[in-house]
Amino acid sequence: WGTLALLTKLSGGEIPEFQLMAMTFGIAFLLMCSRWVFSGHSGVHYLR
């Protein structure tokens, strides 16, 4: 949420709010994927 606030401030209102929120969720998704890769499993069992 702090990243969302920072991106909102840095964008100066040029990027829509929902796009910024999607970008922060995308960052979270990439961090989680990297965690899965480094821990040695694909993370697919979380989707079942």
All heavy atoms as atom14 arrays in JSON, in Angstrom:
{
  "sequence": "WGTLALLTKLSGGEIPEFQLMAMTFGIAFLLMCSRWVFSGHSGVHYLR",
  "atom14_mask": [
    [1, 1, 1, 1, 1, 1, 1, 1, 1, 1, 1, 1, 1, 1],
    [1, 1, 1, 1, 0, 0, 0, 0, 0, 0, 0, 0, 0, 0],
    [1, 1, 1, 1, 1, 1, 1, 0, 0, 0, 0, 0, 0, 0],
    [1, 1, 1, 1, 1, 1, 1, 1, 0, 0, 0, 0, 0, 0],
    [1, 1, 1, 1, 1, 0, 0, 0, 0, 0, 0, 0, 0, 0],
    [1, 1, 1, 1, 1, 1, 1, 1, 0, 0, 0, 0, 0, 0],
    [1, 1, 1, 1, 1, 1, 1, 1, 0, 0, 0, 0, 0, 0],
    [1, 1, 1, 1, 1, 1, 1, 0, 0, 0, 0, 0, 0, 0],
    [1, 1, 1, 1, 1, 1, 1, 1, 1, 0, 0, 0, 0, 0],
    [1, 1, 1, 1, 1, 1, 1, 1, 0, 0, 0, 0, 0, 0],
    [1, 1, 1, 1, 1, 1, 0, 0, 0, 0, 0, 0, 0, 0],
    [1, 1, 1, 1, 0, 0, 0, 0, 0, 0, 0, 0, 0, 0],
    [1, 1, 1, 1, 0, 0, 0, 0, 0, 0, 0, 0, 0, 0],
    [1, 1, 1, 1, 1, 1, 1, 1, 1, 0, 0, 0, 0, 0],
    [1, 1, 1, 1, 1, 1, 1, 1, 0, 0, 0, 0, 0, 0],
    [1, 1, 1, 1, 1, 1, 1, 0, 0, 0, 0, 0, 0, 0],
    [1, 1, 1, 1, 1, 1, 1, 1, 1, 0, 0, 0, 0, 0],
    [1, 1, 1, 1, 1, 1, 1, 1, 1, 1, 1, 0, 0, 0],
    [1, 1, 1, 1, 1, 1, 1, 1, 1, 0, 0, 0, 0, 0],
    [1, 1, 1, 1, 1, 1, 1, 1, 0, 0, 0, 0, 0, 0],
    [1, 1, 1, 1, 1, 1, 1, 1, 0, 0, 0, 0, 0, 0],
    [1, 1, 1, 1, 1, 0, 0, 0, 0, 0, 0, 0, 0, 0],
    [1, 1, 1, 1, 1, 1, 1, 1, 0, 0, 0, 0, 0, 0],
    [1, 1, 1, 1, 1, 1, 1, 0, 0, 0, 0, 0, 0, 0],
    [1, 1, 1, 1, 1, 1, 1, 1, 1, 1, 1, 0, 0, 0],
    [1, 1, 1, 1, 0, 0, 0, 0, 0, 0, 0, 0, 0, 0],
    [1, 1, 1, 1, 1, 1, 1, 1, 0, 0, 0, 0, 0, 0],
    [1, 1, 1, 1, 1, 0, 0, 0, 0, 0, 0, 0, 0, 0],
    [1, 1, 1, 1, 1, 1, 1, 1, 1, 1, 1, 0, 0, 0],
    [1, 1, 1, 1, 1, 1, 1, 1, 0, 0, 0, 0, 0, 0],
    [1, 1, 1, 1, 1, 1, 1, 1, 0, 0, 0, 0, 0, 0],
    [1, 1, 1, 1, 1, 1, 1, 1, 0, 0, 0, 0, 0, 0],
    [1, 1, 1, 1, 1, 1, 0, 0, 0, 0, 0, 0, 0, 0],
    [1, 1, 1, 1, 1, 1, 0, 0, 0, 0, 0, 0, 0, 0],
    [1, 1, 1, 1, 1, 1, 1, 1, 1, 1, 1, 0, 0, 0],
    [1, 1, 1, 1, 1, 1, 1, 1, 1, 1, 1, 1, 1, 1],
    [1, 1, 1, 1, 1, 1, 1, 0, 0, 0, 0, 0, 0, 0],
    [1, 1, 1, 1, 1, 1, 1, 1, 1, 1, 1, 0, 0, 0],
    [1, 1, 1, 1, 1, 1, 0, 0, 0, 0, 0, 0, 0, 0],
    [1, 1, 1, 1, 0, 0, 0, 0, 0, 0, 0, 0, 0, 0],
    [1, 1, 1, 1, 1, 1, 1, 1, 1, 1, 0, 0, 0, 0],
    [1, 1, 1, 1, 1, 1, 0, 0, 0, 0, 0, 0, 0, 0],
    [1, 1, 1, 1, 0, 0, 0, 0, 0, 0, 0, 0, 0, 0],
    [1, 1, 1, 1, 1, 1, 1, 0, 0, 0, 0, 0, 0, 0],
    [1, 1, 1, 1, 1, 1, 1, 1, 1, 1, 0, 0, 0, 0],
    [1, 1, 1, 1, 1, 1, 1, 1, 1, 1, 1, 1, 0, 0],
    [1, 1, 1, 1, 1, 1, 1, 1, 0, 0, 0, 0, 0, 0],
    [1, 1, 1, 1, 1, 1, 1, 1, 1, 1, 1, 0, 0, 0]
  ],
  "atom14_positions": [
    [[0.83, -1.2, 0.0], [0.0, 0.0, 0.0], [0.87, 1.25, 0.0], [0.52, 2.27, -0.62], [-0.95, 0.0, 1.19], [-2.11, -0.91, 0.97], [-2.35, -2.07, 1.63], [-3.17, -0.75, 0.02], [-3.5, -2.65, 1.14], [-4.03, -1.86, 0.16], [-3.49, 0.21, -0.93], [-5.17, -2.03, -0.6], [-4.63, 0.04, -1.68], [-5.45, -1.06, -1.52]],
    [[2.02, 1.19, 0.68], [2.96, 2.31, 0.63], [3.52, 2.51, -0.76], [3.72, 3.64, -1.22], [0.0, 0.0, 0.0], [0.0, 0.0, 0.0], [0.0, 0.0, 0.0], [0.0, 0.0, 0.0], [0.0, 0.0, 0.0], [0.0, 0.0, 0.0], [0.0, 0.0, 0.0], [0.0, 0.0, 0.0], [0.0, 0.0, 0.0], [0.0, 0.0, 0.0]],
    [[3.78, 1.4, -1.46], [4.25, 1.48, -2.83], [3.19, 2.11, -3.72], [3.5, 2.93, -4.59], [4.6, 0.07, -3.36], [5.56, -0.51, -2.49], [5.17, 0.14, -4.77], [0.0, 0.0, 0.0], [0.0, 0.0, 0.0], [0.0, 0.0, 0.0], [0.0, 0.0, 0.0], [0.0, 0.0, 0.0], [0.0, 0.0, 0.0], [0.0, 0.0, 0.0]],
    [[1.94, 1.76, -3.49], [0.85, 2.37, -4.24], [0.8, 3.87, -4.0], [0.65, 4.66, -4.94], [-0.47, 1.72, -3.86], [-1.73, 2.28, -4.53], [-1.65, 2.14, -6.04], [-2.97, 1.58, -3.98], [0.0, 0.0, 0.0], [0.0, 0.0, 0.0], [0.0, 0.0, 0.0], [0.0, 0.0, 0.0], [0.0, 0.0, 0.0], [0.0, 0.0, 0.0]],
    [[0.95, 4.3, -2.75], [0.95, 5.72, -2.45], [2.14, 6.42, -3.09], [2.01, 7.53, -3.64], [0.96, 5.93, -0.94], [0.0, 0.0, 0.0], [0.0, 0.0, 0.0], [0.0, 0.0, 0.0], [0.0, 0.0, 0.0], [0.0, 0.0, 0.0], [0.0, 0.0, 0.0], [0.0, 0.0, 0.0], [0.0, 0.0, 0.0], [0.0, 0.0, 0.0]],
    [[3.3, 5.79, -3.04], [4.5, 6.38, -3.66], [4.33, 6.5, -5.17], [4.64, 7.55, -5.75], [5.72, 5.53, -3.33], [7.04, 5.98, -3.96], [7.46, 7.32, -3.38], [8.11, 4.93, -3.75], [0.0, 0.0, 0.0], [0.0, 0.0, 0.0], [0.0, 0.0, 0.0], [0.0, 0.0, 0.0], [0.0, 0.0, 0.0], [0.0, 0.0, 0.0]],
    [[3.84, 5.46, -5.81], [3.63, 5.52, -7.26], [2.59, 6.57, -7.63], [2.7, 7.24, -8.66], [3.22, 4.15, -7.8], [4.3, 3.07, -7.81], [3.71, 1.75, -8.23], [5.44, 3.46, -8.71], [0.0, 0.0, 0.0], [0.0, 0.0, 0.0], [0.0, 0.0, 0.0], [0.0, 0.0, 0.0], [0.0, 0.0, 0.0], [0.0, 0.0, 0.0]],
    [[1.56, 6.72, -6.8], [0.54, 7.75, -7.06], [1.17, 9.13, -7.0], [0.91, 9.98, -7.85], [-0.6, 7.63, -6.02], [-1.15, 6.33, -6.1], [-1.67, 8.66, -6.28], [0.0, 0.0, 0.0], [0.0, 0.0, 0.0], [0.0, 0.0, 0.0], [0.0, 0.0, 0.0], [0.0, 0.0, 0.0], [0.0, 0.0, 0.0], [0.0, 0.0, 0.0]],
    [[2.0, 9.35, -6.0], [2.66, 10.65, -5.86], [3.63, 10.9, -7.0], [3.67, 12.01, -7.56], [3.38, 10.7, -4.5], [4.11, 11.96, -4.22], [3.16, 13.09, -3.97], [3.94, 14.32, -3.57], [3.12, 15.5, -3.52], [0.0, 0.0, 0.0], [0.0, 0.0, 0.0], [0.0, 0.0, 0.0], [0.0, 0.0, 0.0], [0.0, 0.0, 0.0]],
    [[4.42, 9.91, -7.36], [5.43, 10.09, -8.41], [4.81, 10.24, -9.79], [5.4, 10.88, -10.66], [6.4, 8.91, -8.4], [7.34, 8.83, -7.2], [8.2, 7.58, -7.28], [8.2, 10.07, -7.08], [0.0, 0.0, 0.0], [0.0, 0.0, 0.0], [0.0, 0.0, 0.0], [0.0, 0.0, 0.0], [0.0, 0.0, 0.0], [0.0, 0.0, 0.0]],
    [[3.64, 9.65, -10.0], [3.03, 9.75, -11.33], [2.37, 11.1, -11.54], [2.09, 11.47, -12.69], [1.99, 8.64, -11.52], [0.85, 8.88, -10.72], [0.0, 0.0, 0.0], [0.0, 0.0, 0.0], [0.0, 0.0, 0.0], [0.0, 0.0, 0.0], [0.0, 0.0, 0.0], [0.0, 0.0, 0.0], [0.0, 0.0, 0.0], [0.0, 0.0, 0.0]],
    [[2.11, 11.83, -10.47], [1.49, 13.14, -10.61], [0.07, 13.08, -11.15], [-0.4, 14.04, -11.75], [0.0, 0.0, 0.0], [0.0, 0.0, 0.0], [0.0, 0.0, 0.0], [0.0, 0.0, 0.0], [0.0, 0.0, 0.0], [0.0, 0.0, 0.0], [0.0, 0.0, 0.0], [0.0, 0.0, 0.0], [0.0, 0.0, 0.0], [0.0, 0.0, 0.0]],
    [[-0.6, 11.96, -10.97], [-1.97, 11.82, -11.44], [-2.07, 11.45, -12.92], [-3.16, 11.42, -13.47], [0.0, 0.0, 0.0], [0.0, 0.0, 0.0], [0.0, 0.0, 0.0], [0.0, 0.0, 0.0], [0.0, 0.0, 0.0], [0.0, 0.0, 0.0], [0.0, 0.0, 0.0], [0.0, 0.0, 0.0], [0.0, 0.0, 0.0], [0.0, 0.0, 0.0]],
    [[-0.95, 11.16, -13.56], [-0.94, 10.81, -14.98], [-1.45, 9.39, -15.23], [-1.97, 9.09, -16.29], [0.47, 10.94, -15.57], [1.02, 12.36, -15.53], [0.3, 13.28, -16.51], [-0.04, 12.81, -17.61], [0.07, 14.44, -16.14], [0.0, 0.0, 0.0], [0.0, 0.0, 0.0], [0.0, 0.0, 0.0], [0.0, 0.0, 0.0], [0.0, 0.0, 0.0]],
    [[-1.26, 8.5, -14.26], [-1.66, 7.1, -14.4], [-2.92, 6.9, -13.57], [-2.97, 7.29, -12.4], [-0.54, 6.16, -13.93], [0.73, 6.41, -14.74], [-0.97, 4.7, -14.05], [1.92, 5.63, -14.26], [0.0, 0.0, 0.0], [0.0, 0.0, 0.0], [0.0, 0.0, 0.0], [0.0, 0.0, 0.0], [0.0, 0.0, 0.0], [0.0, 0.0, 0.0]],
    [[-3.96, 6.29, -14.14], [-5.2, 6.06, -13.39], [-4.98, 5.2, -12.14], [-4.07, 4.36, -12.1], [-6.09, 5.33, -14.39], [-5.53, 5.64, -15.72], [-4.06, 5.84, -15.52], [0.0, 0.0, 0.0], [0.0, 0.0, 0.0], [0.0, 0.0, 0.0], [0.0, 0.0, 0.0], [0.0, 0.0, 0.0], [0.0, 0.0, 0.0], [0.0, 0.0, 0.0]],
    [[-5.82, 5.41, -11.15], [-5.65, 4.75, -9.85], [-5.71, 3.23, -9.95], [-4.91, 2.53, -9.33], [-6.72, 5.23, -8.86], [-6.63, 6.68, -8.48], [-7.33, 7.61, -9.47], [-8.05, 7.1, -10.36], [-7.17, 8.83, -9.35], [0.0, 0.0, 0.0], [0.0, 0.0, 0.0], [0.0, 0.0, 0.0], [0.0, 0.0, 0.0], [0.0, 0.0, 0.0]],
    [[-6.66, 2.72, -10.73], [-6.79, 1.27, -10.83], [-5.61, 0.66, -11.58], [-5.23, -0.48, -11.31], [-8.12, 0.89, -11.48], [-9.3, 1.08, -10.57], [-10.24, 2.04, -10.84], [-9.43, 0.32, -9.44], [-11.32, 2.23, -10.0], [-10.5, 0.48, -8.58], [-11.44, 1.45, -8.86], [0.0, 0.0, 0.0], [0.0, 0.0, 0.0], [0.0, 0.0, 0.0]],
    [[-5.04, 1.39, -12.5], [-3.85, 0.87, -13.18], [-2.68, 0.81, -12.21], [-1.92, -0.16, -12.21], [-3.49, 1.74, -14.38], [-2.3, 1.2, -15.15], [-1.98, 2.02, -16.39], [-2.72, 2.91, -16.76], [-0.86, 1.71, -17.01], [0.0, 0.0, 0.0], [0.0, 0.0, 0.0], [0.0, 0.0, 0.0], [0.0, 0.0, 0.0], [0.0, 0.0, 0.0]],
    [[-2.54, 1.82, -11.36], [-1.49, 1.79, -10.35], [-1.7, 0.63, -9.38], [-0.74, -0.04, -8.98], [-1.45, 3.11, -9.59], [-0.73, 4.25, -10.28], [-0.92, 5.54, -9.49], [0.73, 3.95, -10.43], [0.0, 0.0, 0.0], [0.0, 0.0, 0.0], [0.0, 0.0, 0.0], [0.0, 0.0, 0.0], [0.0, 0.0, 0.0], [0.0, 0.0, 0.0]],
    [[-2.95, 0.4, -9.0], [-3.23, -0.71, -8.1], [-2.88, -2.03, -8.77], [-2.3, -2.93, -8.15], [-4.68, -0.7, -7.65], [-4.97, -1.71, -6.58], [-6.61, -1.59, -5.88], [-7.64, -1.92, -7.28], [0.0, 0.0, 0.0], [0.0, 0.0, 0.0], [0.0, 0.0, 0.0], [0.0, 0.0, 0.0], [0.0, 0.0, 0.0], [0.0, 0.0, 0.0]],
    [[-3.21, -2.17, -10.04], [-2.87, -3.38, -10.78], [-1.35, -3.55, -10.87], [-0.84, -4.67, -10.78], [-3.48, -3.35, -12.18], [0.0, 0.0, 0.0], [0.0, 0.0, 0.0], [0.0, 0.0, 0.0], [0.0, 0.0, 0.0], [0.0, 0.0, 0.0], [0.0, 0.0, 0.0], [0.0, 0.0, 0.0], [0.0, 0.0, 0.0], [0.0, 0.0, 0.0]],
    [[-0.65, -2.45, -11.01], [0.82, -2.52, -11.07], [1.4, -3.0, -9.74], [2.32, -3.81, -9.72], [1.39, -1.16, -11.45], [1.11, -0.77, -12.89], [1.44, 0.96, -13.27], [3.16, 1.12, -12.89], [0.0, 0.0, 0.0], [0.0, 0.0, 0.0], [0.0, 0.0, 0.0], [0.0, 0.0, 0.0], [0.0, 0.0, 0.0], [0.0, 0.0, 0.0]],
    [[0.85, -2.52, -8.61], [1.36, -2.97, -7.32], [1.03, -4.44, -7.08], [1.85, -5.17, -6.52], [0.82, -2.11, -6.16], [-0.6, -2.14, -6.18], [1.3, -0.69, -6.27], [0.0, 0.0, 0.0], [0.0, 0.0, 0.0], [0.0, 0.0, 0.0], [0.0, 0.0, 0.0], [0.0, 0.0, 0.0], [0.0, 0.0, 0.0], [0.0, 0.0, 0.0]],
    [[-0.16, -4.89, -7.52], [-0.46, -6.31, -7.41], [0.44, -7.13, -8.33], [0.8, -8.26, -8.02], [-1.94, -6.58, -7.71], [-2.83, -6.33, -6.54], [-3.61, -5.19, -6.48], [-2.9, -7.23, -5.49], [-4.44, -4.96, -5.4], [-3.72, -7.01, -4.4], [-4.49, -5.87, -4.36], [0.0, 0.0, 0.0], [0.0, 0.0, 0.0], [0.0, 0.0, 0.0]],
    [[0.8, -6.57, -9.47], [1.75, -7.23, -10.36], [3.11, -7.39, -9.72], [3.77, -8.42, -9.85], [0.0, 0.0, 0.0], [0.0, 0.0, 0.0], [0.0, 0.0, 0.0], [0.0, 0.0, 0.0], [0.0, 0.0, 0.0], [0.0, 0.0, 0.0], [0.0, 0.0, 0.0], [0.0, 0.0, 0.0], [0.0, 0.0, 0.0], [0.0, 0.0, 0.0]],
    [[3.54, -6.36, -8.99], [4.81, -6.43, -8.26], [4.74, -7.54, -7.22], [5.67, -8.35, -7.08], [5.14, -5.08, -7.61], [5.47, -4.04, -8.69], [6.29, -5.2, -6.62], [5.54, -2.62, -8.16], [0.0, 0.0, 0.0], [0.0, 0.0, 0.0], [0.0, 0.0, 0.0], [0.0, 0.0, 0.0], [0.0, 0.0, 0.0], [0.0, 0.0, 0.0]],
    [[3.62, -7.62, -6.49], [3.45, -8.67, -5.49], [3.47, -10.05, -6.13], [4.07, -10.99, -5.6], [2.15, -8.46, -4.72], [0.0, 0.0, 0.0], [0.0, 0.0, 0.0], [0.0, 0.0, 0.0], [0.0, 0.0, 0.0], [0.0, 0.0, 0.0], [0.0, 0.0, 0.0], [0.0, 0.0, 0.0], [0.0, 0.0, 0.0], [0.0, 0.0, 0.0]],
    [[2.83, -10.17, -7.31], [2.81, -11.46, -8.0], [4.22, -11.87, -8.42], [4.61, -13.03, -8.26], [1.9, -11.37, -9.22], [1.9, -12.61, -10.06], [1.27, -13.76, -9.62], [2.54, -12.63, -11.29], [1.28, -14.91, -10.4], [2.55, -13.77, -12.06], [1.92, -14.92, -11.61], [0.0, 0.0, 0.0], [0.0, 0.0, 0.0], [0.0, 0.0, 0.0]],
    [[4.99, -10.93, -8.95], [6.36, -11.25, -9.36], [7.23, -11.63, -8.16], [8.06, -12.55, -8.26], [6.97, -10.07, -10.11], [6.36, -9.78, -11.48], [6.97, -8.52, -12.08], [6.56, -10.97, -12.41], [0.0, 0.0, 0.0], [0.0, 0.0, 0.0], [0.0, 0.0, 0.0], [0.0, 0.0, 0.0], [0.0, 0.0, 0.0], [0.0, 0.0, 0.0]],
    [[7.05, -10.94, -7.04], [7.79, -11.31, -5.84], [7.43, -12.71, -5.37], [8.3, -13.49, -4.97], [7.53, -10.29, -4.73], [8.14, -8.91, -4.91], [7.66, -7.96, -3.83], [9.66, -9.0, -4.9], [0.0, 0.0, 0.0], [0.0, 0.0, 0.0], [0.0, 0.0, 0.0], [0.0, 0.0, 0.0], [0.0, 0.0, 0.0], [0.0, 0.0, 0.0]],
    [[6.14, -13.05, -5.43], [5.71, -14.38, -5.01], [6.24, -15.45, -5.97], [6.67, -16.53, -5.54], [4.19, -14.44, -4.94], [3.67, -15.56, -4.12], [4.16, -15.31, -2.41], [4.51, -16.98, -1.95], [0.0, 0.0, 0.0], [0.0, 0.0, 0.0], [0.0, 0.0, 0.0], [0.0, 0.0, 0.0], [0.0, 0.0, 0.0], [0.0, 0.0, 0.0]],
    [[6.23, -15.16, -7.28], [6.78, -16.12, -8.25], [8.26, -16.35, -8.01], [8.73, -17.49, -8.09], [6.54, -15.63, -9.67], [4.85, -15.81, -10.23], [0.0, 0.0, 0.0], [0.0, 0.0, 0.0], [0.0, 0.0, 0.0], [0.0, 0.0, 0.0], [0.0, 0.0, 0.0], [0.0, 0.0, 0.0], [0.0, 0.0, 0.0], [0.0, 0.0, 0.0]],
    [[8.99, -15.29, -7.7], [10.42, -15.46, -7.43], [10.64, -16.27, -6.15], [11.56, -17.08, -6.07], [11.12, -14.1, -7.34], [10.65, -13.36, -6.25], [0.0, 0.0, 0.0], [0.0, 0.0, 0.0], [0.0, 0.0, 0.0], [0.0, 0.0, 0.0], [0.0, 0.0, 0.0], [0.0, 0.0, 0.0], [0.0, 0.0, 0.0], [0.0, 0.0, 0.0]],
    [[9.76, -16.09, -5.18], [9.87, -16.89, -3.95], [9.64, -18.36, -4.26], [10.33, -19.23, -3.72], [8.87, -16.4, -2.92], [8.92, -17.19, -1.64], [7.98, -16.64, -0.6], [8.04, -17.46, 0.59], [7.0, -17.93, 1.23], [5.79, -17.63, 0.8], [7.14, -18.65, 2.3], [0.0, 0.0, 0.0], [0.0, 0.0, 0.0], [0.0, 0.0, 0.0]],
    [[8.64, -18.64, -5.1], [8.38, -20.03, -5.47], [9.56, -20.64, -6.2], [9.94, -21.78, -5.96], [7.13, -20.13, -6.34], [5.85, -19.9, -5.61], [5.63, -20.04, -4.27], [4.62, -19.48, -6.18], [4.33, -19.73, -3.98], [3.68, -19.38, -5.13], [4.21, -19.18, -7.46], [2.37, -19.01, -5.34], [2.9, -18.81, -7.67], [2.0, -18.72, -6.61]],
    [[10.17, -19.88, -7.1], [11.3, -20.4, -7.87], [12.48, -20.69, -6.94], [13.12, -21.74, -7.03], [11.7, -19.41, -8.98], [13.04, -19.75, -9.58], [10.63, -19.37, -10.06], [0.0, 0.0, 0.0], [0.0, 0.0, 0.0], [0.0, 0.0, 0.0], [0.0, 0.0, 0.0], [0.0, 0.0, 0.0], [0.0, 0.0, 0.0], [0.0, 0.0, 0.0]],
    [[12.77, -19.77, -6.03], [13.9, -19.96, -5.14], [13.67, -21.04, -4.1], [14.62, -21.64, -3.6], [14.29, -18.65, -4.45], [14.94, -17.67, -5.38], [14.42, -16.4, -5.51], [16.05, -18.01, -6.14], [15.0, -15.48, -6.37], [16.64, -17.11, -7.01], [16.12, -15.84, -7.12], [0.0, 0.0, 0.0], [0.0, 0.0, 0.0], [0.0, 0.0, 0.0]],
    [[12.42, -21.32, -3.77], [12.14, -22.38, -2.8], [12.06, -23.76, -3.47], [11.97, -24.76, -2.78], [10.85, -22.09, -2.03], [9.74, -22.14, -2.89], [0.0, 0.0, 0.0], [0.0, 0.0, 0.0], [0.0, 0.0, 0.0], [0.0, 0.0, 0.0], [0.0, 0.0, 0.0], [0.0, 0.0, 0.0], [0.0, 0.0, 0.0], [0.0, 0.0, 0.0]],
    [[12.04, -23.78, -4.79], [12.13, -25.05, -5.49], [10.82, -25.68, -5.91], [10.78, -26.84, -6.28], [0.0, 0.0, 0.0], [0.0, 0.0, 0.0], [0.0, 0.0, 0.0], [0.0, 0.0, 0.0], [0.0, 0.0, 0.0], [0.0, 0.0, 0.0], [0.0, 0.0, 0.0], [0.0, 0.0, 0.0], [0.0, 0.0, 0.0], [0.0, 0.0, 0.0]],
    [[9.72, -24.96, -5.85], [8.46, -25.52, -6.36], [7.75, -24.48, -7.2], [8.08, -23.3, -7.19], [7.56, -26.04, -5.23], [7.24, -25.05, -4.17], [6.26, -24.11, -4.31], [7.77, -24.85, -2.95], [6.2, -23.38, -3.22], [7.11, -23.81, -2.38], [0.0, 0.0, 0.0], [0.0, 0.0, 0.0], [0.0, 0.0, 0.0], [0.0, 0.0, 0.0]],
    [[6.77, -24.94, -7.95], [6.13, -24.07, -8.93], [5.01, -23.22, -8.35], [4.6, -22.24, -8.95], [5.59, -24.89, -10.09], [4.53, -25.7, -9.64], [0.0, 0.0, 0.0], [0.0, 0.0, 0.0], [0.0, 0.0, 0.0], [0.0, 0.0, 0.0], [0.0, 0.0, 0.0], [0.0, 0.0, 0.0], [0.0, 0.0, 0.0], [0.0, 0.0, 0.0]],
    [[4.45, -23.6, -7.23], [3.35, -22.85, -6.66], [2.0, -23.22, -7.23], [0.99, -22.63, -6.86], [0.0, 0.0, 0.0], [0.0, 0.0, 0.0], [0.0, 0.0, 0.0], [0.0, 0.0, 0.0], [0.0, 0.0, 0.0], [0.0, 0.0, 0.0], [0.0, 0.0, 0.0], [0.0, 0.0, 0.0], [0.0, 0.0, 0.0], [0.0, 0.0, 0.0]],
    [[1.97, -24.2, -8.12], [0.71, -24.61, -8.75], [-0.23, -25.22, -7.72], [-1.45, -25.06, -7.81], [0.97, -25.59, -9.91], [-0.32, -26.13, -10.48], [1.79, -24.91, -10.98], [0.0, 0.0, 0.0], [0.0, 0.0, 0.0], [0.0, 0.0, 0.0], [0.0, 0.0, 0.0], [0.0, 0.0, 0.0], [0.0, 0.0, 0.0], [0.0, 0.0, 0.0]],
    [[0.32, -25.88, -6.69], [-0.56, -26.52, -5.71], [-1.36, -25.49, -4.91], [-2.36, -25.83, -4.3], [0.21, -27.46, -4.79], [1.23, -26.79, -3.92], [0.91, -26.22, -2.72], [2.56, -26.61, -4.09], [1.99, -25.71, -2.18], [3.0, -25.93, -2.99], [0.0, 0.0, 0.0], [0.0, 0.0, 0.0], [0.0, 0.0, 0.0], [0.0, 0.0, 0.0]],
    [[-0.95, -24.22, -4.92], [-1.75, -23.18, -4.27], [-3.0, -22.85, -5.08], [-3.94, -22.27, -4.56], [-0.94, -21.91, -4.07], [0.2, -22.07, -3.11], [1.52, -22.0, -3.54], [-0.04, -22.3, -1.76], [2.57, -22.14, -2.65], [1.0, -22.45, -0.87], [2.3, -22.36, -1.32], [3.34, -22.51, -0.44], [0.0, 0.0, 0.0], [0.0, 0.0, 0.0]],
    [[-2.99, -23.18, -6.36], [-4.12, -22.88, -7.23], [-5.19, -23.96, -7.2], [-6.29, -23.74, -7.7], [-3.63, -22.69, -8.67], [-2.63, -21.56, -8.88], [-2.15, -21.56, -10.32], [-3.23, -20.23, -8.51], [0.0, 0.0, 0.0], [0.0, 0.0, 0.0], [0.0, 0.0, 0.0], [0.0, 0.0, 0.0], [0.0, 0.0, 0.0], [0.0, 0.0, 0.0]],
    [[-4.88, -25.12, -6.67], [-5.84, -26.22, -6.63], [-6.94, -25.91, -5.62], [-6.68, -25.51, -4.49], [-5.14, -27.52, -6.26], [-4.21, -27.98, -7.34], [-3.79, -29.41, -7.12], [-2.82, -29.77, -8.13], [-1.59, -30.16, -7.89], [-1.17, -30.27, -6.65], [-0.77, -30.45, -8.87], [0.0, 0.0, 0.0], [0.0, 0.0, 0.0], [0.0, 0.0, 0.0]]
  ]
}
